């Protein structure tokens, strides 16, 4: 069920939600959080598709905030709120409200979003593009327990990474870090099997790759060794090499999902190390709503005081 509202208000949107639930016989219970997606018109479809897929695991109320800039100078000062309220088959397992803001209300999006949040439920804000440098101080970010950004959406991801280091507060996270989950799991398992002291390390990836930089920072803290950054043609991260007195521990993924794991004195193993879609990344982030302390360690790199010894990454 889909209801279009033009030049509306938050109270009218809430009323449309109640009427829609009655019409299709769907209660509001069962939704576990409110996911606020702040995006532009160009990226709204892909972001909403990823959120809808993630909602199969995490039923939620999804608020898509699209800030529209009017071309006419006269219209730029006229506030208007248009909305699409989607329930039932049009919203998957939860509720979806697409909000298009015009004029002065663009600068006060939090006043529109606040009355639409699920009561007594966590709030997560996700910026697929154009994220603020300090998400926690953003008016919408201040409403959330978790704030999700994506360094890949920036022209200068490593420059933005430096800004995020300075602005980090518990609750911040980034999909560039979430993309490393499989790499981190395989590295931890490899070191548990090998039980060797790591004396050197290198991360090989395409130039300016933010995930590679986060992985290198995390390894520097956990292994207490310098990590060399090696530029390759890609795609994304292509290899991690850990030097030991008995030989190299190598995870090599030169051309996509198939990867190999080499441990000293053991046969080569083939692994499935795929590049995961955005829906899987968002679903992973929604599984935990507390602070991601490991991300904070990786973000700050050496000197964070969180090193734990060579065999425990």
C-alpha atoms as a PDB file:
ATOM      1  CA  UNK A   1       0.000   0.000   0.000  1.00  0.00           C
ATOM      2  CA  UNK A   2       1.381   3.390  -0.972  1.00  0.00           C
ATOM      3  CA  UNK A   3       0.056   6.817   0.028  1.00  0.00           C
ATOM      4  CA  UNK A   4       1.360  10.036  -1.524  1.00  0.00           C
ATOM      5  CA  UNK A   5       1.177  13.230   0.530  1.00  0.00           C
ATOM      6  CA  UNK A   6       2.005  16.663  -0.929  1.00  0.00           C
ATOM      7  CA  UNK A   7       2.839  19.743   1.131  1.00  0.00           C
ATOM      8  CA  UNK A   8       2.226  17.756   4.282  1.00  0.00           C
ATOM      9  CA  UNK A   9       3.309  17.620   7.924  1.00  0.00           C
ATOM     10  CA  UNK A  10       4.698  14.983  10.290  1.00  0.00           C
ATOM     11  CA  UNK A  11       1.323  14.667  12.036  1.00  0.00           C
ATOM     12  CA  UNK A  12      -0.438  13.952   8.734  1.00  0.00           C
ATOM     13  CA  UNK A  13       2.199  11.342   7.908  1.00  0.00           C
ATOM     14  CA  UNK A  14       1.625   9.627  11.261  1.00  0.00           C
ATOM     15  CA  UNK A  15      -2.111   9.669  10.581  1.00  0.00           C
ATOM     16  CA  UNK A  16      -1.517   8.059   7.173  1.00  0.00           C
ATOM     17  CA  UNK A  17       0.535   5.348   8.881  1.00  0.00           C
ATOM     18  CA  UNK A  18      -2.280   4.534  11.299  1.00  0.00           C
ATOM     19  CA  UNK A  19      -4.909   4.470   8.549  1.00  0.00           C
ATOM     20  CA  UNK A  20      -2.662   2.341   6.360  1.00  0.00           C
ATOM     21  CA  UNK A  21      -2.057  -0.232   9.093  1.00  0.00           C
ATOM     22  CA  UNK A  22      -5.793  -0.507   9.703  1.00  0.00           C
ATOM     23  CA  UNK A  23      -6.465  -0.939   5.995  1.00  0.00           C
ATOM     24  CA  UNK A  24      -4.040  -3.840   5.594  1.00  0.00           C
ATOM     25  CA  UNK A  25      -4.328  -5.231   9.119  1.00  0.00           C
ATOM     26  CA  UNK A  26      -0.656  -4.807  10.019  1.00  0.00           C
ATOM     27  CA  UNK A  27       0.320  -3.639  13.537  1.00  0.00           C
ATOM     28  CA  UNK A  28       3.420  -1.572  14.293  1.00  0.00           C
ATOM     29  CA  UNK A  29       4.797  -4.150  16.716  1.00  0.00           C
ATOM     30  CA  UNK A  30       7.681  -6.283  15.582  1.00  0.00           C
ATOM     31  CA  UNK A  31       9.836  -3.453  14.253  1.00  0.00           C
ATOM     32  CA  UNK A  32      13.089  -3.288  16.162  1.00  0.00           C
ATOM     33  CA  UNK A  33      14.544   0.086  15.160  1.00  0.00           C
ATOM     34  CA  UNK A  34      14.234   3.212  13.037  1.00  0.00           C
ATOM     35  CA  UNK A  35      16.669   3.478  10.147  1.00  0.00           C
ATOM     36  CA  UNK A  36      17.085   7.022   8.814  1.00  0.00           C
ATOM     37  CA  UNK A  37      18.698   7.224   5.374  1.00  0.00           C
ATOM     38  CA  UNK A  38      19.951  10.686   4.419  1.00  0.00           C
ATOM     39  CA  UNK A  39      20.636  10.802   0.704  1.00  0.00           C
ATOM     40  CA  UNK A  40      20.012  12.581  -2.564  1.00  0.00           C
ATOM     41  CA  UNK A  41      17.518  11.710  -5.291  1.00  0.00           C
ATOM     42  CA  UNK A  42      20.154  10.035  -7.456  1.00  0.00           C
ATOM     43  CA  UNK A  43      21.182   7.504  -4.790  1.00  0.00           C
ATOM     44  CA  UNK A  44      17.849   7.082  -3.013  1.00  0.00           C
ATOM     45  CA  UNK A  45      16.686   4.023  -4.971  1.00  0.00           C
ATOM     46  CA  UNK A  46      19.839   1.973  -4.375  1.00  0.00           C
ATOM     47  CA  UNK A  47      19.996   2.923  -0.702  1.00  0.00           C
ATOM     48  CA  UNK A  48      16.346   2.051  -0.129  1.00  0.00           C
ATOM     49  CA  UNK A  49      16.772  -1.265  -1.965  1.00  0.00           C
ATOM     50  CA  UNK A  50      19.699  -2.185   0.296  1.00  0.00           C
ATOM     51  CA  UNK A  51      17.744  -1.163   3.400  1.00  0.00           C
ATOM     52  CA  UNK A  52      14.705  -3.177   2.278  1.00  0.00           C
ATOM     53  CA  UNK A  53      16.855  -6.274   1.810  1.00  0.00           C
ATOM     54  CA  UNK A  54      18.444  -5.773   5.232  1.00  0.00           C
ATOM     55  CA  UNK A  55      14.966  -5.368   6.777  1.00  0.00           C
ATOM     56  CA  UNK A  56      14.279  -9.072   6.204  1.00  0.00           C
ATOM     57  CA  UNK A  57      16.704  -9.640   9.079  1.00  0.00           C
ATOM     58  CA  UNK A  58      15.945  -6.412  10.972  1.00  0.00           C
ATOM     59  CA  UNK A  59      12.296  -5.285  10.546  1.00  0.00           C
ATOM     60  CA  UNK A  60      12.370  -1.533  10.870  1.00  0.00           C
ATOM     61  CA  UNK A  61      10.736   1.760  10.073  1.00  0.00           C
ATOM     62  CA  UNK A  62      12.828   3.291   7.324  1.00  0.00           C
ATOM     63  CA  UNK A  63      12.803   7.054   6.865  1.00  0.00           C
ATOM     64  CA  UNK A  64      14.429   8.239   3.638  1.00  0.00           C
ATOM     65  CA  UNK A  65      15.333  11.924   3.903  1.00  0.00           C
ATOM     66  CA  UNK A  66      15.923  13.564   0.506  1.00  0.00           C
ATOM     67  CA  UNK A  67      16.908  17.218   0.647  1.00  0.00           C
ATOM     68  CA  UNK A  68      15.824  18.907  -2.571  1.00  0.00           C
ATOM     69  CA  UNK A  69      17.345  22.176  -3.741  1.00  0.00           C
ATOM     70  CA  UNK A  70      14.942  24.291  -5.776  1.00  0.00           C
ATOM     71  CA  UNK A  71      16.308  26.013  -8.867  1.00  0.00           C
ATOM     72  CA  UNK A  72      14.015  29.001  -8.573  1.00  0.00           C
ATOM     73  CA  UNK A  73      15.274  31.614  -6.053  1.00  0.00           C
ATOM     74  CA  UNK A  74      11.684  32.291  -4.993  1.00  0.00           C
ATOM     75  CA  UNK A  75      11.053  28.607  -4.213  1.00  0.00           C
ATOM     76  CA  UNK A  76      14.232  28.225  -2.158  1.00  0.00           C
ATOM     77  CA  UNK A  77      12.687  30.057   0.787  1.00  0.00           C
ATOM     78  CA  UNK A  78       9.306  28.300   0.595  1.00  0.00           C
ATOM     79  CA  UNK A  79       9.237  25.303   2.895  1.00  0.00           C
ATOM     80  CA  UNK A  80       7.470  22.189   1.699  1.00  0.00           C
ATOM     81  CA  UNK A  81       7.405  18.562   2.731  1.00  0.00           C
ATOM     82  CA  UNK A  82       6.242  15.805   0.395  1.00  0.00           C
ATOM     83  CA  UNK A  83       6.028  12.196   1.535  1.00  0.00           C
ATOM     84  CA  UNK A  84       5.418   8.666   0.310  1.00  0.00           C
ATOM     85  CA  UNK A  85       4.099   6.263   2.954  1.00  0.00           C
ATOM     86  CA  UNK A  86       4.658   2.626   2.012  1.00  0.00           C
ATOM     87  CA  UNK A  87       3.203  -0.300   3.933  1.00  0.00           C
ATOM     88  CA  UNK A  88       2.688  -3.997   3.321  1.00  0.00           C
ATOM     89  CA  UNK A  89       4.062  -5.364   0.071  1.00  0.00           C
ATOM     90  CA  UNK A  90       5.390  -1.930  -0.908  1.00  0.00           C
ATOM     91  CA  UNK A  91       7.597  -1.782   2.194  1.00  0.00           C
ATOM     92  CA  UNK A  92       8.807  -5.366   2.655  1.00  0.00           C
ATOM     93  CA  UNK A  93       8.877  -6.422   6.306  1.00  0.00           C
ATOM     94  CA  UNK A  94       8.577  -2.967   7.871  1.00  0.00           C
ATOM     95  CA  UNK A  95       7.390   0.529   7.073  1.00  0.00           C
ATOM     96  CA  UNK A  96       8.966   2.997   4.647  1.00  0.00           C
ATOM     97  CA  UNK A  97       8.462   6.751   4.539  1.00  0.00           C
ATOM     98  CA  UNK A  98      10.190   8.747   1.803  1.00  0.00           C
ATOM     99  CA  UNK A  99      10.493  12.407   2.783  1.00  0.00           C
ATOM    100  CA  UNK A 100      11.333  15.103   0.241  1.00  0.00           C
ATOM    101  CA  UNK A 101      12.246  18.422   1.828  1.00  0.00           C
ATOM    102  CA  UNK A 102      12.185  21.783   0.038  1.00  0.00           C
ATOM    103  CA  UNK A 103      13.111  25.309   1.074  1.00  0.00           C
ATOM    104  CA  UNK A 104      13.958  26.290   4.630  1.00  0.00           C
ATOM    105  CA  UNK A 105      12.847  22.939   6.056  1.00  0.00           C
ATOM    106  CA  UNK A 106      15.945  21.372   4.453  1.00  0.00           C
ATOM    107  CA  UNK A 107      17.995  22.930   7.262  1.00  0.00           C
ATOM    108  CA  UNK A 108      15.641  21.575   9.924  1.00  0.00           C
ATOM    109  CA  UNK A 109      15.215  17.957   8.836  1.00  0.00           C
ATOM    110  CA  UNK A 110      15.448  16.766  12.453  1.00  0.00           C
ATOM    111  CA  UNK A 111      12.164  18.526  13.268  1.00  0.00           C
ATOM    112  CA  UNK A 112      10.455  16.453  10.583  1.00  0.00           C
ATOM    113  CA  UNK A 113      12.129  13.169  11.486  1.00  0.00           C
ATOM    114  CA  UNK A 114      11.779  13.332  15.283  1.00  0.00           C
ATOM    115  CA  UNK A 115       7.952  12.827  15.424  1.00  0.00           C
ATOM    116  CA  UNK A 116       8.268   9.852  13.038  1.00  0.00           C
ATOM    117  CA  UNK A 117      10.739   7.805  15.086  1.00  0.00           C
ATOM    118  CA  UNK A 118       9.476   4.590  16.634  1.00  0.00           C
ATOM    119  CA  UNK A 119       8.980   5.148  20.370  1.00  0.00           C
ATOM    120  CA  UNK A 120      11.459   3.410  22.695  1.00  0.00           C
ATOM    121  CA  UNK A 121      13.422   1.917  19.784  1.00  0.00           C
ATOM    122  CA  UNK A 122      17.031   2.504  18.714  1.00  0.00           C
ATOM    123  CA  UNK A 123      17.744   4.955  15.904  1.00  0.00           C
ATOM    124  CA  UNK A 124      20.383   4.391  13.222  1.00  0.00           C
ATOM    125  CA  UNK A 125      21.303   7.092  10.699  1.00  0.00           C
ATOM    126  CA  UNK A 126      23.009   6.107   7.439  1.00  0.00           C
ATOM    127  CA  UNK A 127      24.515   8.503   4.901  1.00  0.00           C
ATOM    128  CA  UNK A 128      25.176   6.581   1.642  1.00  0.00           C
ATOM    129  CA  UNK A 129      26.695   9.782   0.180  1.00  0.00           C
ATOM    130  CA  UNK A 130      27.510  13.320   1.342  1.00  0.00           C
ATOM    131  CA  UNK A 131      28.037  12.390   4.973  1.00  0.00           C
ATOM    132  CA  UNK A 132      29.056  15.163   7.393  1.00  0.00           C
ATOM    133  CA  UNK A 133      32.667  15.208   8.570  1.00  0.00           C
ATOM    134  CA  UNK A 134      31.405  15.074  12.163  1.00  0.00           C
ATOM    135  CA  UNK A 135      28.341  12.766  12.091  1.00  0.00           C
ATOM    136  CA  UNK A 136      27.607  12.982  15.821  1.00  0.00           C
ATOM    137  CA  UNK A 137      27.239  16.776  15.643  1.00  0.00           C
ATOM    138  CA  UNK A 138      24.905  16.654  12.658  1.00  0.00           C
ATOM    139  CA  UNK A 139      21.311  17.413  13.766  1.00  0.00           C
ATOM    140  CA  UNK A 140      20.082  14.065  12.417  1.00  0.00           C
ATOM    141  CA  UNK A 141      23.132  12.191  13.660  1.00  0.00           C
ATOM    142  CA  UNK A 142      22.493  13.529  17.155  1.00  0.00           C
ATOM    143  CA  UNK A 143      19.216  11.570  17.224  1.00  0.00           C
ATOM    144  CA  UNK A 144      20.947   8.224  16.678  1.00  0.00           C
ATOM    145  CA  UNK A 145      22.671   5.537  18.710  1.00  0.00           C
ATOM    146  CA  UNK A 146      24.581   4.457  15.589  1.00  0.00           C
ATOM    147  CA  UNK A 147      25.817   6.586  12.688  1.00  0.00           C
ATOM    148  CA  UNK A 148      26.904   4.840   9.470  1.00  0.00           C
ATOM    149  CA  UNK A 149      29.002   6.558   6.817  1.00  0.00           C
ATOM    150  CA  UNK A 150      30.889   5.278   3.758  1.00  0.00           C
ATOM    151  CA  UNK A 151      34.364   6.539   2.917  1.00  0.00           C
ATOM    152  CA  UNK A 152      34.050   5.020  -0.554  1.00  0.00           C
ATOM    153  CA  UNK A 153      31.521   7.735  -1.453  1.00  0.00           C
ATOM    154  CA  UNK A 154      34.139  10.511  -1.144  1.00  0.00           C
ATOM    155  CA  UNK A 155      36.520  11.830  -3.789  1.00  0.00           C
ATOM    156  CA  UNK A 156      39.259  12.061  -1.150  1.00  0.00           C
ATOM    157  CA  UNK A 157      38.539   9.078   1.130  1.00  0.00           C
ATOM    158  CA  UNK A 158      41.850   9.207   3.013  1.00  0.00           C
ATOM    159  CA  UNK A 159      41.457  12.930   3.643  1.00  0.00           C
ATOM    160  CA  UNK A 160      37.965  12.358   5.033  1.00  0.00           C
ATOM    161  CA  UNK A 161      39.353   9.470   7.095  1.00  0.00           C
ATOM    162  CA  UNK A 162      41.665  11.922   8.864  1.00  0.00           C
ATOM    163  CA  UNK A 163      38.670  14.121   9.689  1.00  0.00           C
ATOM    164  CA  UNK A 164      36.775  11.107  11.071  1.00  0.00           C
ATOM    165  CA  UNK A 165      39.712  10.278  13.338  1.00  0.00           C
ATOM    166  CA  UNK A 166      39.405  13.715  14.921  1.00  0.00           C
ATOM    167  CA  UNK A 167      35.606  13.673  15.200  1.00  0.00           C
ATOM    168  CA  UNK A 168      35.035  10.041  16.266  1.00  0.00           C
ATOM    169  CA  UNK A 169      32.659   9.374  19.148  1.00  0.00           C
ATOM    170  CA  UNK A 170      31.242   5.988  20.237  1.00  0.00           C
ATOM    171  CA  UNK A 171      28.431   5.005  17.886  1.00  0.00           C
ATOM    172  CA  UNK A 172      30.210   6.077  14.697  1.00  0.00           C
ATOM    173  CA  UNK A 173      31.120   3.429  12.120  1.00  0.00           C
ATOM    174  CA  UNK A 174      31.857   3.217   8.407  1.00  0.00           C
ATOM    175  CA  UNK A 175      31.074   0.674   5.694  1.00  0.00           C
ATOM    176  CA  UNK A 176      34.730   0.781   4.623  1.00  0.00           C
ATOM    177  CA  UNK A 177      35.383  -0.975   7.951  1.00  0.00           C
ATOM    178  CA  UNK A 178      32.436  -3.367   7.611  1.00  0.00           C
ATOM    179  CA  UNK A 179      33.830  -4.554   4.270  1.00  0.00           C
ATOM    180  CA  UNK A 180      36.822  -5.947   6.188  1.00  0.00           C
ATOM    181  CA  UNK A 181      34.908  -8.467   8.310  1.00  0.00           C
ATOM    182  CA  UNK A 182      35.819 -11.475   6.155  1.00  0.00           C
ATOM    183  CA  UNK A 183      39.454 -10.387   5.885  1.00  0.00           C
ATOM    184  CA  UNK A 184      39.723  -9.955   9.650  1.00  0.00           C
ATOM    185  CA  UNK A 185      38.097 -13.327  10.338  1.00  0.00           C
ATOM    186  CA  UNK A 186      40.456 -15.158   7.980  1.00  0.00           C
ATOM    187  CA  UNK A 187      43.516 -13.372   9.377  1.00  0.00           C
ATOM    188  CA  UNK A 188      42.514 -14.228  12.947  1.00  0.00           C
ATOM    189  CA  UNK A 189      41.948 -17.888  12.025  1.00  0.00           C
ATOM    190  CA  UNK A 190      45.272 -18.055  10.149  1.00  0.00           C
ATOM    191  CA  UNK A 191      47.243 -16.710  13.094  1.00  0.00           C
ATOM    192  CA  UNK A 192      45.449 -19.038  15.498  1.00  0.00           C
ATOM    193  CA  UNK A 193      46.533 -21.972  13.309  1.00  0.00           C
ATOM    194  CA  UNK A 194      50.087 -20.840  12.658  1.00  0.00           C
ATOM    195  CA  UNK A 195      50.946 -19.607  16.168  1.00  0.00           C
ATOM    196  CA  UNK A 196      53.932 -17.700  14.809  1.00  0.00           C
ATOM    197  CA  UNK A 197      55.286 -14.302  15.765  1.00  0.00           C
ATOM    198  CA  UNK A 198      54.679 -11.751  13.036  1.00  0.00           C
ATOM    199  CA  UNK A 199      57.734  -9.607  12.305  1.00  0.00           C
ATOM    200  CA  UNK A 200      56.518  -7.648   9.257  1.00  0.00           C
ATOM    201  CA  UNK A 201      53.296  -6.983   7.388  1.00  0.00           C
ATOM    202  CA  UNK A 202      52.022  -5.525   4.127  1.00  0.00           C
ATOM    203  CA  UNK A 203      48.570  -4.709   2.752  1.00  0.00           C
ATOM    204  CA  UNK A 204      48.283  -4.648  -1.038  1.00  0.00           C
ATOM    205  CA  UNK A 205      45.366  -2.723  -2.587  1.00  0.00           C
ATOM    206  CA  UNK A 206      44.375  -0.170  -5.171  1.00  0.00           C
ATOM    207  CA  UNK A 207      45.630   3.322  -4.376  1.00  0.00           C
ATOM    208  CA  UNK A 208      43.631   5.480  -1.933  1.00  0.00           C
ATOM    209  CA  UNK A 209      41.528   2.528  -0.770  1.00  0.00           C
ATOM    210  CA  UNK A 210      40.030   3.404   2.636  1.00  0.00           C
ATOM    211  CA  UNK A 211      39.400  -0.211   3.671  1.00  0.00           C
ATOM    212  CA  UNK A 212      43.052  -1.043   3.027  1.00  0.00           C
ATOM    213  CA  UNK A 213      44.144   1.893   5.185  1.00  0.00           C
ATOM    214  CA  UNK A 214      41.854   0.822   8.034  1.00  0.00           C
ATOM    215  CA  UNK A 215      43.093  -2.765   7.768  1.00  0.00           C
ATOM    216  CA  UNK A 216      46.723  -1.605   7.878  1.00  0.00           C
ATOM    217  CA  UNK A 217      46.033   0.566  10.931  1.00  0.00           C
ATOM    218  CA  UNK A 218      44.274  -2.317  12.702  1.00  0.00           C
ATOM    219  CA  UNK A 219      47.156  -4.717  12.001  1.00  0.00           C
ATOM    220  CA  UNK A 220      49.708  -2.186  13.250  1.00  0.00           C
ATOM    221  CA  UNK A 221      47.931  -1.982  16.597  1.00  0.00           C
ATOM    222  CA  UNK A 222      47.180  -5.680  16.980  1.00  0.00           C
ATOM    223  CA  UNK A 223      50.513  -7.044  15.747  1.00  0.00           C
ATOM    224  CA  UNK A 224      52.703  -4.178  16.974  1.00  0.00           C
ATOM    225  CA  UNK A 225      54.677  -4.087  13.732  1.00  0.00           C
ATOM    226  CA  UNK A 226      54.828  -1.473  10.940  1.00  0.00           C
ATOM    227  CA  UNK A 227      52.532  -2.296   8.025  1.00  0.00           C
ATOM    228  CA  UNK A 228      53.626  -1.452   4.498  1.00  0.00           C
ATOM    229  CA  UNK A 229      50.985  -0.072   2.102  1.00  0.00           C
ATOM    230  CA  UNK A 230      51.557  -1.444  -1.407  1.00  0.00           C
ATOM    231  CA  UNK A 231      49.611   0.001  -4.359  1.00  0.00           C
ATOM    232  CA  UNK A 232      48.317  -2.520  -6.921  1.00  0.00           C
ATOM    233  CA  UNK A 233      45.892  -2.297  -9.883  1.00  0.00           C
ATOM    234  CA  UNK A 234      43.183  -3.743  -7.640  1.00  0.00           C
ATOM    235  CA  UNK A 235      40.311  -4.366  -7.485  1.00  0.00           C
ATOM    236  CA  UNK A 236      40.067  -3.172  -3.857  1.00  0.00           C
ATOM    237  CA  UNK A 237      42.291  -5.174  -1.458  1.00  0.00           C
ATOM    238  CA  UNK A 238      44.294  -7.820  -3.327  1.00  0.00           C
ATOM    239  CA  UNK A 239      46.573  -9.339  -0.656  1.00  0.00           C
ATOM    240  CA  UNK A 240      47.802  -9.304   2.931  1.00  0.00           C
ATOM    241  CA  UNK A 241      51.284 -10.604   3.718  1.00  0.00           C
ATOM    242  CA  UNK A 242      52.517 -11.314   7.249  1.00  0.00           C
ATOM    243  CA  UNK A 243      56.200 -12.124   7.622  1.00  0.00           C
ATOM    244  CA  UNK A 244      57.399 -14.670  10.207  1.00  0.00           C
ATOM    245  CA  UNK A 245      60.711 -16.440  10.892  1.00  0.00           C
ATOM    246  CA  UNK A 246      59.309 -19.572   9.193  1.00  0.00           C
ATOM    247  CA  UNK A 247      57.923 -17.881   6.076  1.00  0.00           C
ATOM    248  CA  UNK A 248      55.040 -15.678   4.970  1.00  0.00           C
ATOM    249  CA  UNK A 249      51.367 -15.976   5.859  1.00  0.00           C
ATOM    250  CA  UNK A 250      49.622 -14.784   2.702  1.00  0.00           C
ATOM    251  CA  UNK A 251      45.995 -14.134   1.780  1.00  0.00           C
ATOM    252  CA  UNK A 252      45.951 -13.439  -1.944  1.00  0.00           C
ATOM    253  CA  UNK A 253      42.875 -12.266  -3.882  1.00  0.00           C
ATOM    254  CA  UNK A 254      44.106 -10.884  -7.209  1.00  0.00           C
ATOM    255  CA  UNK A 255      40.922 -11.008  -9.308  1.00  0.00           C
ATOM    256  CA  UNK A 256      37.742 -11.091  -7.239  1.00  0.00           C
ATOM    257  CA  UNK A 257      36.055 -13.629  -4.976  1.00  0.00           C
ATOM    258  CA  UNK A 258      38.431 -16.642  -5.194  1.00  0.00           C
ATOM    259  CA  UNK A 259      41.310 -16.218  -2.753  1.00  0.00           C
ATOM    260  CA  UNK A 260      44.136 -18.394  -1.487  1.00  0.00           C
ATOM    261  CA  UNK A 261      45.587 -18.794   1.997  1.00  0.00           C
ATOM    262  CA  UNK A 262      49.218 -19.866   2.414  1.00  0.00           C
ATOM    263  CA  UNK A 263      50.630 -20.812   5.801  1.00  0.00           C
ATOM    264  CA  UNK A 264      54.257 -21.839   6.308  1.00  0.00           C
ATOM    265  CA  UNK A 265      54.662 -25.602   5.945  1.00  0.00           C
ATOM    266  CA  UNK A 266      51.013 -26.190   4.930  1.00  0.00           C
ATOM    267  CA  UNK A 267      49.303 -26.703   1.572  1.00  0.00           C
ATOM    268  CA  UNK A 268      47.589 -23.760  -0.131  1.00  0.00           C
ATOM    269  CA  UNK A 269      43.882 -23.430   0.646  1.00  0.00           C
ATOM    270  CA  UNK A 270      41.228 -21.841  -1.569  1.00  0.00           C
ATOM    271  CA  UNK A 271      38.764 -19.454   0.077  1.00  0.00           C
ATOM    272  CA  UNK A 272      35.635 -17.587  -0.989  1.00  0.00           C
ATOM    273  CA  UNK A 273      36.484 -13.970  -0.179  1.00  0.00           C
ATOM    274  CA  UNK A 274      33.768 -12.073  -1.989  1.00  0.00           C
ATOM    275  CA  UNK A 275      32.997  -8.379  -2.247  1.00  0.00           C
ATOM    276  CA  UNK A 276      29.722  -8.184  -0.330  1.00  0.00           C
ATOM    277  CA  UNK A 277      26.716  -6.118  -1.471  1.00  0.00           C
ATOM    278  CA  UNK A 278      25.619  -3.062   0.484  1.00  0.00           C
ATOM    279  CA  UNK A 279      22.543  -4.851   1.877  1.00  0.00           C
ATOM    280  CA  UNK A 280      24.767  -7.389   3.653  1.00  0.00           C
ATOM    281  CA  UNK A 281      26.945  -4.624   5.072  1.00  0.00           C
ATOM    282  CA  UNK A 282      23.946  -2.720   6.449  1.00  0.00           C
ATOM    283  CA  UNK A 283      22.450  -5.918   7.896  1.00  0.00           C
ATOM    284  CA  UNK A 284      25.727  -6.606   9.695  1.00  0.00           C
ATOM    285  CA  UNK A 285      25.840  -3.111  11.162  1.00  0.00           C
ATOM    286  CA  UNK A 286      22.261  -3.388  12.413  1.00  0.00           C
ATOM    287  CA  UNK A 287      23.069  -6.576  14.365  1.00  0.00           C
ATOM    288  CA  UNK A 288      24.868  -4.562  17.010  1.00  0.00           C
ATOM    289  CA  UNK A 289      23.905  -1.113  18.168  1.00  0.00           C
ATOM    290  CA  UNK A 290      26.556  -0.592  20.834  1.00  0.00           C
ATOM    291  CA  UNK A 291      29.826   1.206  20.187  1.00  0.00           C
ATOM    292  CA  UNK A 292      32.228  -0.528  17.803  1.00  0.00           C
ATOM    293  CA  UNK A 293      35.408  -0.344  19.869  1.00  0.00           C
ATOM    294  CA  UNK A 294      37.438  -2.304  17.302  1.00  0.00           C
ATOM    295  CA  UNK A 295      36.612   0.267  14.642  1.00  0.00           C
ATOM    296  CA  UNK A 296      37.799   2.984  17.017  1.00  0.00           C
ATOM    297  CA  UNK A 297      41.103   1.117  17.445  1.00  0.00           C
ATOM    298  CA  UNK A 298      41.543   0.810  13.666  1.00  0.00           C
ATOM    299  CA  UNK A 299      40.583   4.431  13.082  1.00  0.00           C
ATOM    300  CA  UNK A 300      43.145   5.774  15.513  1.00  0.00           C
ATOM    301  CA  UNK A 301      45.895   3.322  14.561  1.00  0.00           C
ATOM    302  CA  UNK A 302      49.199   3.086  16.412  1.00  0.00           C
ATOM    303  CA  UNK A 303      49.370   4.742  19.785  1.00  0.00           C
ATOM    304  CA  UNK A 304      45.765   3.891  20.739  1.00  0.00           C
ATOM    305  CA  UNK A 305      47.035   1.573  23.449  1.00  0.00           C
ATOM    306  CA  UNK A 306      44.992  -1.408  22.324  1.00  0.00           C
ATOM    307  CA  UNK A 307      47.685  -3.812  21.118  1.00  0.00           C
ATOM    308  CA  UNK A 308      47.107  -7.416  22.116  1.00  0.00           C
ATOM    309  CA  UNK A 309      50.022  -9.535  20.971  1.00  0.00           C
ATOM    310  CA  UNK A 310      50.979 -11.122  17.712  1.00  0.00           C
ATOM    311  CA  UNK A 311      48.678 -14.131  17.601  1.00  0.00           C
ATOM    312  CA  UNK A 312      45.473 -12.361  18.510  1.00  0.00           C
ATOM    313  CA  UNK A 313      44.059 -10.092  15.826  1.00  0.00           C
END
